């Protein structure tokens, strides 16, 4: 059944419809305010191919809203893993709930920063290393230093890197310090080295993309991770390194 669309709510109605399609994580629709869609930006999981998602969008918009859109106006970006599953809500109980224990320092420091913390009782792999803090200091004599603190099993591990000052240099120093802290926390005969840091924009947002090389004996593996810049660019750089390495470490690598 085709739904009547008002130009004022075109973008909103189109976004609501596209969110119901399989594999869609988030969507942003840009319209001209006169009943025509200019751009559609979609973030999806890897479970549905990009071309199939574009076809789904075209069919859904035409079937439900009576809109035709050129496939070239639809851009797709895929995330490498789906969002973590949410625990099921328990039915209300007549007995009073026990008092929740105080939050740990690790939990308090990572709230609101987009860091995934495992929920007790859920099956599946667990993130091994968590972000705690990043500190950047600069001086004319010694340049800039970046100190990264990570947590594993309740223990803090520190990595520190020094270099010349600059926006790109700070991102690389934060990522390099994170690699040093991860290598210390890993406690295995492996080396974690930074291959590079890139900054790119998508959906009117800024993202950090990193490449991390893991060397074990003669074998070298390249890992990649991303993170949106929401707190600071240095924090996003560290979280991008954790995004690359945790997905590899959590499966018993």
C-alpha atoms as a PDB file:
ATOM      1  CA  UNK A   1       0.000   0.000   0.000  1.00  0.00           C
ATOM      2  CA  UNK A   2       1.370   3.384  -1.026  1.00  0.00           C
ATOM      3  CA  UNK A   3       1.492   6.007   1.753  1.00  0.00           C
ATOM      4  CA  UNK A   4       0.688   9.688   1.152  1.00  0.00           C
ATOM      5  CA  UNK A   5       3.853  11.752   1.638  1.00  0.00           C
ATOM      6  CA  UNK A   6       3.995  15.421   2.539  1.00  0.00           C
ATOM      7  CA  UNK A   7       7.109  17.318   1.348  1.00  0.00           C
ATOM      8  CA  UNK A   8       7.779  18.542   4.905  1.00  0.00           C
ATOM      9  CA  UNK A   9       8.036  14.962   6.257  1.00  0.00           C
ATOM     10  CA  UNK A  10       9.536  13.278   3.200  1.00  0.00           C
ATOM     11  CA  UNK A  11      13.003  12.775   4.655  1.00  0.00           C
ATOM     12  CA  UNK A  12      11.657  11.606   8.021  1.00  0.00           C
ATOM     13  CA  UNK A  13       9.226   9.100   6.479  1.00  0.00           C
ATOM     14  CA  UNK A  14      11.871   7.758   4.103  1.00  0.00           C
ATOM     15  CA  UNK A  15      14.342   7.259   6.973  1.00  0.00           C
ATOM     16  CA  UNK A  16      11.714   5.413   9.053  1.00  0.00           C
ATOM     17  CA  UNK A  17      11.014   3.105   6.112  1.00  0.00           C
ATOM     18  CA  UNK A  18      14.664   2.381   5.239  1.00  0.00           C
ATOM     19  CA  UNK A  19      15.497   1.545   8.885  1.00  0.00           C
ATOM     20  CA  UNK A  20      13.143  -1.445   8.605  1.00  0.00           C
ATOM     21  CA  UNK A  21      15.202  -3.008   5.787  1.00  0.00           C
ATOM     22  CA  UNK A  22      17.493  -5.955   6.629  1.00  0.00           C
ATOM     23  CA  UNK A  23      21.057  -5.075   7.602  1.00  0.00           C
ATOM     24  CA  UNK A  24      20.452  -1.323   8.015  1.00  0.00           C
ATOM     25  CA  UNK A  25      22.121   0.157  11.111  1.00  0.00           C
ATOM     26  CA  UNK A  26      21.451   3.856  10.491  1.00  0.00           C
ATOM     27  CA  UNK A  27      20.279   6.074   7.653  1.00  0.00           C
ATOM     28  CA  UNK A  28      20.193   9.759   6.700  1.00  0.00           C
ATOM     29  CA  UNK A  29      18.028  11.125   3.884  1.00  0.00           C
ATOM     30  CA  UNK A  30      18.582  14.540   2.281  1.00  0.00           C
ATOM     31  CA  UNK A  31      15.555  15.998   0.450  1.00  0.00           C
ATOM     32  CA  UNK A  32      14.985  19.310  -1.348  1.00  0.00           C
ATOM     33  CA  UNK A  33      11.839  20.203   0.618  1.00  0.00           C
ATOM     34  CA  UNK A  34       9.712  19.931  -2.510  1.00  0.00           C
ATOM     35  CA  UNK A  35       8.953  16.201  -2.522  1.00  0.00           C
ATOM     36  CA  UNK A  36      12.198  14.907  -4.034  1.00  0.00           C
ATOM     37  CA  UNK A  37      15.064  12.951  -2.453  1.00  0.00           C
ATOM     38  CA  UNK A  38      18.564  14.225  -3.226  1.00  0.00           C
ATOM     39  CA  UNK A  39      20.789  11.808  -1.283  1.00  0.00           C
ATOM     40  CA  UNK A  40      20.483   8.662   0.845  1.00  0.00           C
ATOM     41  CA  UNK A  41      23.379   7.660   3.120  1.00  0.00           C
ATOM     42  CA  UNK A  42      23.154   4.236   4.784  1.00  0.00           C
ATOM     43  CA  UNK A  43      25.324   2.385   7.302  1.00  0.00           C
ATOM     44  CA  UNK A  44      24.798  -1.394   7.124  1.00  0.00           C
ATOM     45  CA  UNK A  45      26.173  -4.629   8.471  1.00  0.00           C
ATOM     46  CA  UNK A  46      27.981  -7.030   6.148  1.00  0.00           C
ATOM     47  CA  UNK A  47      25.092  -9.528   6.153  1.00  0.00           C
ATOM     48  CA  UNK A  48      23.431  -7.892   3.121  1.00  0.00           C
ATOM     49  CA  UNK A  49      25.473  -6.995  -0.016  1.00  0.00           C
ATOM     50  CA  UNK A  50      25.586  -3.278  -0.872  1.00  0.00           C
ATOM     51  CA  UNK A  51      23.941  -3.767  -4.290  1.00  0.00           C
ATOM     52  CA  UNK A  52      21.070  -5.686  -2.686  1.00  0.00           C
ATOM     53  CA  UNK A  53      20.597  -2.925  -0.109  1.00  0.00           C
ATOM     54  CA  UNK A  54      20.382  -0.334  -2.889  1.00  0.00           C
ATOM     55  CA  UNK A  55      17.754  -2.439  -4.707  1.00  0.00           C
ATOM     56  CA  UNK A  56      15.817  -2.841  -1.440  1.00  0.00           C
ATOM     57  CA  UNK A  57      15.825   0.932  -0.937  1.00  0.00           C
ATOM     58  CA  UNK A  58      14.592   1.598  -4.481  1.00  0.00           C
ATOM     59  CA  UNK A  59      11.792  -0.970  -4.172  1.00  0.00           C
ATOM     60  CA  UNK A  60      10.710   0.127  -0.683  1.00  0.00           C
ATOM     61  CA  UNK A  61      10.559   3.832  -1.560  1.00  0.00           C
ATOM     62  CA  UNK A  62       8.507   3.157  -4.675  1.00  0.00           C
ATOM     63  CA  UNK A  63       6.172   0.565  -3.100  1.00  0.00           C
ATOM     64  CA  UNK A  64       5.415   2.436   0.131  1.00  0.00           C
ATOM     65  CA  UNK A  65       5.927   6.117  -0.730  1.00  0.00           C
ATOM     66  CA  UNK A  66       5.510   6.149  -4.503  1.00  0.00           C
ATOM     67  CA  UNK A  67       8.996   7.643  -4.958  1.00  0.00           C
ATOM     68  CA  UNK A  68      11.517   6.772  -7.632  1.00  0.00           C
ATOM     69  CA  UNK A  69      15.214   7.376  -6.881  1.00  0.00           C
ATOM     70  CA  UNK A  70      18.317   6.948  -8.992  1.00  0.00           C
ATOM     71  CA  UNK A  71      20.560   4.250  -7.516  1.00  0.00           C
ATOM     72  CA  UNK A  72      23.516   6.636  -7.897  1.00  0.00           C
ATOM     73  CA  UNK A  73      22.013   8.817  -5.158  1.00  0.00           C
ATOM     74  CA  UNK A  74      22.281   5.968  -2.615  1.00  0.00           C
ATOM     75  CA  UNK A  75      25.630   5.529  -0.823  1.00  0.00           C
ATOM     76  CA  UNK A  76      26.378   2.510   1.336  1.00  0.00           C
ATOM     77  CA  UNK A  77      28.996   2.062   4.079  1.00  0.00           C
ATOM     78  CA  UNK A  78      29.331  -1.295   5.834  1.00  0.00           C
ATOM     79  CA  UNK A  79      30.539  -1.943   9.370  1.00  0.00           C
ATOM     80  CA  UNK A  80      32.590  -5.058   9.950  1.00  0.00           C
ATOM     81  CA  UNK A  81      30.485  -6.379  12.826  1.00  0.00           C
ATOM     82  CA  UNK A  82      26.917  -6.001  14.045  1.00  0.00           C
ATOM     83  CA  UNK A  83      26.156  -4.064  17.263  1.00  0.00           C
ATOM     84  CA  UNK A  84      26.433  -6.233  20.396  1.00  0.00           C
ATOM     85  CA  UNK A  85      23.224  -8.025  21.397  1.00  0.00           C
ATOM     86  CA  UNK A  86      21.158  -6.401  24.124  1.00  0.00           C
ATOM     87  CA  UNK A  87      20.103  -8.439  27.178  1.00  0.00           C
ATOM     88  CA  UNK A  88      16.438  -9.370  27.378  1.00  0.00           C
ATOM     89  CA  UNK A  89      14.343  -7.337  29.790  1.00  0.00           C
ATOM     90  CA  UNK A  90      13.086  -9.316  32.757  1.00  0.00           C
ATOM     91  CA  UNK A  91       9.387  -9.003  33.670  1.00  0.00           C
ATOM     92  CA  UNK A  92       8.649  -6.763  36.662  1.00  0.00           C
ATOM     93  CA  UNK A  93       8.898  -8.540  39.987  1.00  0.00           C
ATOM     94  CA  UNK A  94       7.038  -7.861  43.199  1.00  0.00           C
ATOM     95  CA  UNK A  95      10.195  -8.451  45.237  1.00  0.00           C
ATOM     96  CA  UNK A  96      12.525  -5.475  45.678  1.00  0.00           C
ATOM     97  CA  UNK A  97      15.626  -5.455  43.525  1.00  0.00           C
ATOM     98  CA  UNK A  98      19.007  -5.712  45.246  1.00  0.00           C
ATOM     99  CA  UNK A  99      21.055  -2.548  45.494  1.00  0.00           C
ATOM    100  CA  UNK A 100      23.365  -2.261  42.512  1.00  0.00           C
ATOM    101  CA  UNK A 101      27.103  -2.330  43.369  1.00  0.00           C
ATOM    102  CA  UNK A 102      29.088   0.864  42.765  1.00  0.00           C
ATOM    103  CA  UNK A 103      30.465   1.304  39.276  1.00  0.00           C
ATOM    104  CA  UNK A 104      34.104   0.445  38.782  1.00  0.00           C
ATOM    105  CA  UNK A 105      36.581   3.059  37.609  1.00  0.00           C
ATOM    106  CA  UNK A 106      36.828   1.360  34.218  1.00  0.00           C
ATOM    107  CA  UNK A 107      33.065   1.545  33.706  1.00  0.00           C
ATOM    108  CA  UNK A 108      32.829   5.153  34.868  1.00  0.00           C
ATOM    109  CA  UNK A 109      35.695   6.294  32.625  1.00  0.00           C
ATOM    110  CA  UNK A 110      34.290   4.687  29.474  1.00  0.00           C
ATOM    111  CA  UNK A 111      30.610   5.660  29.806  1.00  0.00           C
ATOM    112  CA  UNK A 112      29.410   7.907  26.991  1.00  0.00           C
ATOM    113  CA  UNK A 113      32.479   7.196  24.839  1.00  0.00           C
ATOM    114  CA  UNK A 114      31.065   4.439  22.611  1.00  0.00           C
ATOM    115  CA  UNK A 115      33.158   1.683  24.236  1.00  0.00           C
ATOM    116  CA  UNK A 116      31.563  -1.750  24.277  1.00  0.00           C
ATOM    117  CA  UNK A 117      31.533  -3.313  27.770  1.00  0.00           C
ATOM    118  CA  UNK A 118      30.414  -6.964  27.967  1.00  0.00           C
ATOM    119  CA  UNK A 119      27.172  -7.728  29.806  1.00  0.00           C
ATOM    120  CA  UNK A 120      27.435 -10.538  32.397  1.00  0.00           C
ATOM    121  CA  UNK A 121      25.449 -13.622  31.447  1.00  0.00           C
ATOM    122  CA  UNK A 122      25.630 -13.160  27.664  1.00  0.00           C
ATOM    123  CA  UNK A 123      27.182 -15.954  25.649  1.00  0.00           C
ATOM    124  CA  UNK A 124      29.869 -15.309  23.062  1.00  0.00           C
ATOM    125  CA  UNK A 125      33.365 -13.784  22.974  1.00  0.00           C
ATOM    126  CA  UNK A 126      34.346 -10.938  25.254  1.00  0.00           C
ATOM    127  CA  UNK A 127      36.393  -7.850  24.543  1.00  0.00           C
ATOM    128  CA  UNK A 128      39.782  -8.328  26.154  1.00  0.00           C
ATOM    129  CA  UNK A 129      41.153  -4.811  26.507  1.00  0.00           C
ATOM    130  CA  UNK A 130      39.280  -1.583  27.341  1.00  0.00           C
ATOM    131  CA  UNK A 131      40.048   2.107  27.035  1.00  0.00           C
ATOM    132  CA  UNK A 132      40.801   3.998  30.251  1.00  0.00           C
ATOM    133  CA  UNK A 133      42.492   7.312  29.430  1.00  0.00           C
ATOM    134  CA  UNK A 134      44.623   9.245  26.942  1.00  0.00           C
ATOM    135  CA  UNK A 135      46.786  12.215  27.901  1.00  0.00           C
ATOM    136  CA  UNK A 136      48.646  14.537  25.525  1.00  0.00           C
ATOM    137  CA  UNK A 137      51.390  16.864  26.758  1.00  0.00           C
ATOM    138  CA  UNK A 138      53.508  19.298  24.790  1.00  0.00           C
ATOM    139  CA  UNK A 139      56.625  21.355  25.421  1.00  0.00           C
ATOM    140  CA  UNK A 140      58.908  23.417  23.226  1.00  0.00           C
ATOM    141  CA  UNK A 141      61.983  21.494  24.303  1.00  0.00           C
ATOM    142  CA  UNK A 142      60.694  17.895  24.166  1.00  0.00           C
ATOM    143  CA  UNK A 143      57.942  18.120  21.555  1.00  0.00           C
ATOM    144  CA  UNK A 144      54.662  16.334  22.304  1.00  0.00           C
ATOM    145  CA  UNK A 145      54.092  13.103  24.226  1.00  0.00           C
ATOM    146  CA  UNK A 146      51.007  10.918  24.342  1.00  0.00           C
ATOM    147  CA  UNK A 147      50.256   8.576  27.233  1.00  0.00           C
ATOM    148  CA  UNK A 148      47.549   5.914  26.786  1.00  0.00           C
ATOM    149  CA  UNK A 149      46.103   3.811  29.600  1.00  0.00           C
ATOM    150  CA  UNK A 150      44.201   0.586  28.850  1.00  0.00           C
ATOM    151  CA  UNK A 151      42.572  -1.972  31.149  1.00  0.00           C
ATOM    152  CA  UNK A 152      42.702  -5.757  30.998  1.00  0.00           C
ATOM    153  CA  UNK A 153      41.310  -7.962  33.763  1.00  0.00           C
ATOM    154  CA  UNK A 154      41.223  -4.984  36.136  1.00  0.00           C
ATOM    155  CA  UNK A 155      44.891  -4.078  35.545  1.00  0.00           C
ATOM    156  CA  UNK A 156      46.052  -0.877  33.824  1.00  0.00           C
ATOM    157  CA  UNK A 157      48.669  -1.017  31.076  1.00  0.00           C
ATOM    158  CA  UNK A 158      50.461   2.134  29.910  1.00  0.00           C
ATOM    159  CA  UNK A 159      51.929   3.026  26.533  1.00  0.00           C
ATOM    160  CA  UNK A 160      53.727   6.272  25.759  1.00  0.00           C
ATOM    161  CA  UNK A 161      55.023   7.776  22.503  1.00  0.00           C
ATOM    162  CA  UNK A 162      56.839  11.028  21.724  1.00  0.00           C
ATOM    163  CA  UNK A 163      57.213  13.116  18.579  1.00  0.00           C
ATOM    164  CA  UNK A 164      56.799  16.506  16.953  1.00  0.00           C
ATOM    165  CA  UNK A 165      53.578  18.472  17.439  1.00  0.00           C
ATOM    166  CA  UNK A 166      50.795  18.654  14.862  1.00  0.00           C
ATOM    167  CA  UNK A 167      47.213  17.425  14.395  1.00  0.00           C
ATOM    168  CA  UNK A 168      48.190  14.354  12.354  1.00  0.00           C
ATOM    169  CA  UNK A 169      51.218  13.697  14.578  1.00  0.00           C
ATOM    170  CA  UNK A 170      49.009  13.605  17.689  1.00  0.00           C
ATOM    171  CA  UNK A 171      46.718  11.009  16.115  1.00  0.00           C
ATOM    172  CA  UNK A 172      49.684   8.826  15.182  1.00  0.00           C
ATOM    173  CA  UNK A 173      51.273   9.194  18.621  1.00  0.00           C
ATOM    174  CA  UNK A 174      47.993   8.216  20.331  1.00  0.00           C
ATOM    175  CA  UNK A 175      47.630   5.159  18.086  1.00  0.00           C
ATOM    176  CA  UNK A 176      51.296   4.184  18.546  1.00  0.00           C
ATOM    177  CA  UNK A 177      51.028   4.512  22.330  1.00  0.00           C
ATOM    178  CA  UNK A 178      47.885   2.339  22.232  1.00  0.00           C
ATOM    179  CA  UNK A 179      49.801  -0.335  20.293  1.00  0.00           C
ATOM    180  CA  UNK A 180      52.546  -0.323  22.959  1.00  0.00           C
ATOM    181  CA  UNK A 181      49.986  -0.686  25.769  1.00  0.00           C
ATOM    182  CA  UNK A 182      48.221  -3.532  23.920  1.00  0.00           C
ATOM    183  CA  UNK A 183      51.530  -5.327  23.379  1.00  0.00           C
ATOM    184  CA  UNK A 184      52.242  -5.075  27.108  1.00  0.00           C
ATOM    185  CA  UNK A 185      48.746  -6.311  28.020  1.00  0.00           C
ATOM    186  CA  UNK A 186      48.846  -9.159  25.477  1.00  0.00           C
ATOM    187  CA  UNK A 187      51.669 -10.889  27.395  1.00  0.00           C
ATOM    188  CA  UNK A 188      52.639 -12.967  24.358  1.00  0.00           C
ATOM    189  CA  UNK A 189      55.611 -12.965  22.034  1.00  0.00           C
ATOM    190  CA  UNK A 190      53.922 -10.612  19.577  1.00  0.00           C
ATOM    191  CA  UNK A 191      54.599  -7.064  18.420  1.00  0.00           C
ATOM    192  CA  UNK A 192      51.882  -4.523  17.603  1.00  0.00           C
ATOM    193  CA  UNK A 193      52.983  -1.731  15.265  1.00  0.00           C
ATOM    194  CA  UNK A 194      51.129   1.158  13.672  1.00  0.00           C
ATOM    195  CA  UNK A 195      50.895   1.030   9.874  1.00  0.00           C
ATOM    196  CA  UNK A 196      49.120   4.360   9.507  1.00  0.00           C
ATOM    197  CA  UNK A 197      46.277   6.694  10.485  1.00  0.00           C
ATOM    198  CA  UNK A 198      43.773   8.305   8.124  1.00  0.00           C
ATOM    199  CA  UNK A 199      40.977  10.818   8.743  1.00  0.00           C
ATOM    200  CA  UNK A 200      37.889  10.721   6.538  1.00  0.00           C
ATOM    201  CA  UNK A 201      34.389  12.173   6.542  1.00  0.00           C
ATOM    202  CA  UNK A 202      31.092  10.366   5.897  1.00  0.00           C
ATOM    203  CA  UNK A 203      27.459  11.236   6.711  1.00  0.00           C
ATOM    204  CA  UNK A 204      28.606  14.711   7.857  1.00  0.00           C
ATOM    205  CA  UNK A 205      30.752  13.085  10.524  1.00  0.00           C
ATOM    206  CA  UNK A 206      34.492  12.601  10.974  1.00  0.00           C
ATOM    207  CA  UNK A 207      36.050   9.134  11.395  1.00  0.00           C
ATOM    208  CA  UNK A 208      39.515   7.810  12.235  1.00  0.00           C
ATOM    209  CA  UNK A 209      40.791   4.790  10.283  1.00  0.00           C
ATOM    210  CA  UNK A 210      43.917   2.924  11.447  1.00  0.00           C
ATOM    211  CA  UNK A 211      46.006   0.008  10.263  1.00  0.00           C
ATOM    212  CA  UNK A 212      47.826  -2.128  12.861  1.00  0.00           C
ATOM    213  CA  UNK A 213      50.467  -4.714  11.951  1.00  0.00           C
ATOM    214  CA  UNK A 214      50.829  -7.706  14.277  1.00  0.00           C
ATOM    215  CA  UNK A 215      54.116  -9.584  14.008  1.00  0.00           C
ATOM    216  CA  UNK A 216      54.480 -13.084  15.499  1.00  0.00           C
ATOM    217  CA  UNK A 217      57.676 -14.802  14.443  1.00  0.00           C
ATOM    218  CA  UNK A 218      57.808 -14.553  10.643  1.00  0.00           C
ATOM    219  CA  UNK A 219      54.080 -14.030  10.269  1.00  0.00           C
ATOM    220  CA  UNK A 220      52.697 -10.494   9.886  1.00  0.00           C
ATOM    221  CA  UNK A 221      48.973  -9.784   9.957  1.00  0.00           C
ATOM    222  CA  UNK A 222      47.387  -6.436   9.097  1.00  0.00           C
ATOM    223  CA  UNK A 223      44.359  -5.378  11.174  1.00  0.00           C
ATOM    224  CA  UNK A 224      42.102  -2.388  10.465  1.00  0.00           C
ATOM    225  CA  UNK A 225      39.726  -0.444  12.704  1.00  0.00           C
ATOM    226  CA  UNK A 226      37.599   2.712  12.682  1.00  0.00           C
ATOM    227  CA  UNK A 227      35.973   5.048  15.199  1.00  0.00           C
ATOM    228  CA  UNK A 228      33.848   8.185  14.917  1.00  0.00           C
ATOM    229  CA  UNK A 229      35.343  11.337  16.442  1.00  0.00           C
ATOM    230  CA  UNK A 230      32.919  12.256  19.221  1.00  0.00           C
ATOM    231  CA  UNK A 231      35.073  13.136  22.247  1.00  0.00           C
ATOM    232  CA  UNK A 232      38.536  13.988  20.943  1.00  0.00           C
ATOM    233  CA  UNK A 233      40.511  12.945  17.880  1.00  0.00           C
ATOM    234  CA  UNK A 234      43.203  11.340  20.063  1.00  0.00           C
ATOM    235  CA  UNK A 235      40.587   9.279  21.925  1.00  0.00           C
ATOM    236  CA  UNK A 236      39.042   8.170  18.628  1.00  0.00           C
ATOM    237  CA  UNK A 237      42.486   7.148  17.385  1.00  0.00           C
ATOM    238  CA  UNK A 238      42.996   4.895  20.427  1.00  0.00           C
ATOM    239  CA  UNK A 239      39.491   3.425  20.111  1.00  0.00           C
ATOM    240  CA  UNK A 240      40.101   2.716  16.421  1.00  0.00           C
ATOM    241  CA  UNK A 241      43.210   0.711  17.388  1.00  0.00           C
ATOM    242  CA  UNK A 242      41.132  -1.220  19.943  1.00  0.00           C
ATOM    243  CA  UNK A 243      38.452  -1.796  17.300  1.00  0.00           C
ATOM    244  CA  UNK A 244      41.102  -3.391  15.075  1.00  0.00           C
ATOM    245  CA  UNK A 245      42.846  -5.511  17.716  1.00  0.00           C
ATOM    246  CA  UNK A 246      39.993  -6.526  20.054  1.00  0.00           C
ATOM    247  CA  UNK A 247      38.031  -8.179  17.247  1.00  0.00           C
ATOM    248  CA  UNK A 248      41.109 -10.316  16.589  1.00  0.00           C
ATOM    249  CA  UNK A 249      42.128 -10.948  20.205  1.00  0.00           C
ATOM    250  CA  UNK A 250      38.631 -11.795  21.494  1.00  0.00           C
ATOM    251  CA  UNK A 251      38.462 -14.937  19.366  1.00  0.00           C
ATOM    252  CA  UNK A 252      41.518 -16.422  20.998  1.00  0.00           C
ATOM    253  CA  UNK A 253      44.072 -15.261  18.435  1.00  0.00           C
END
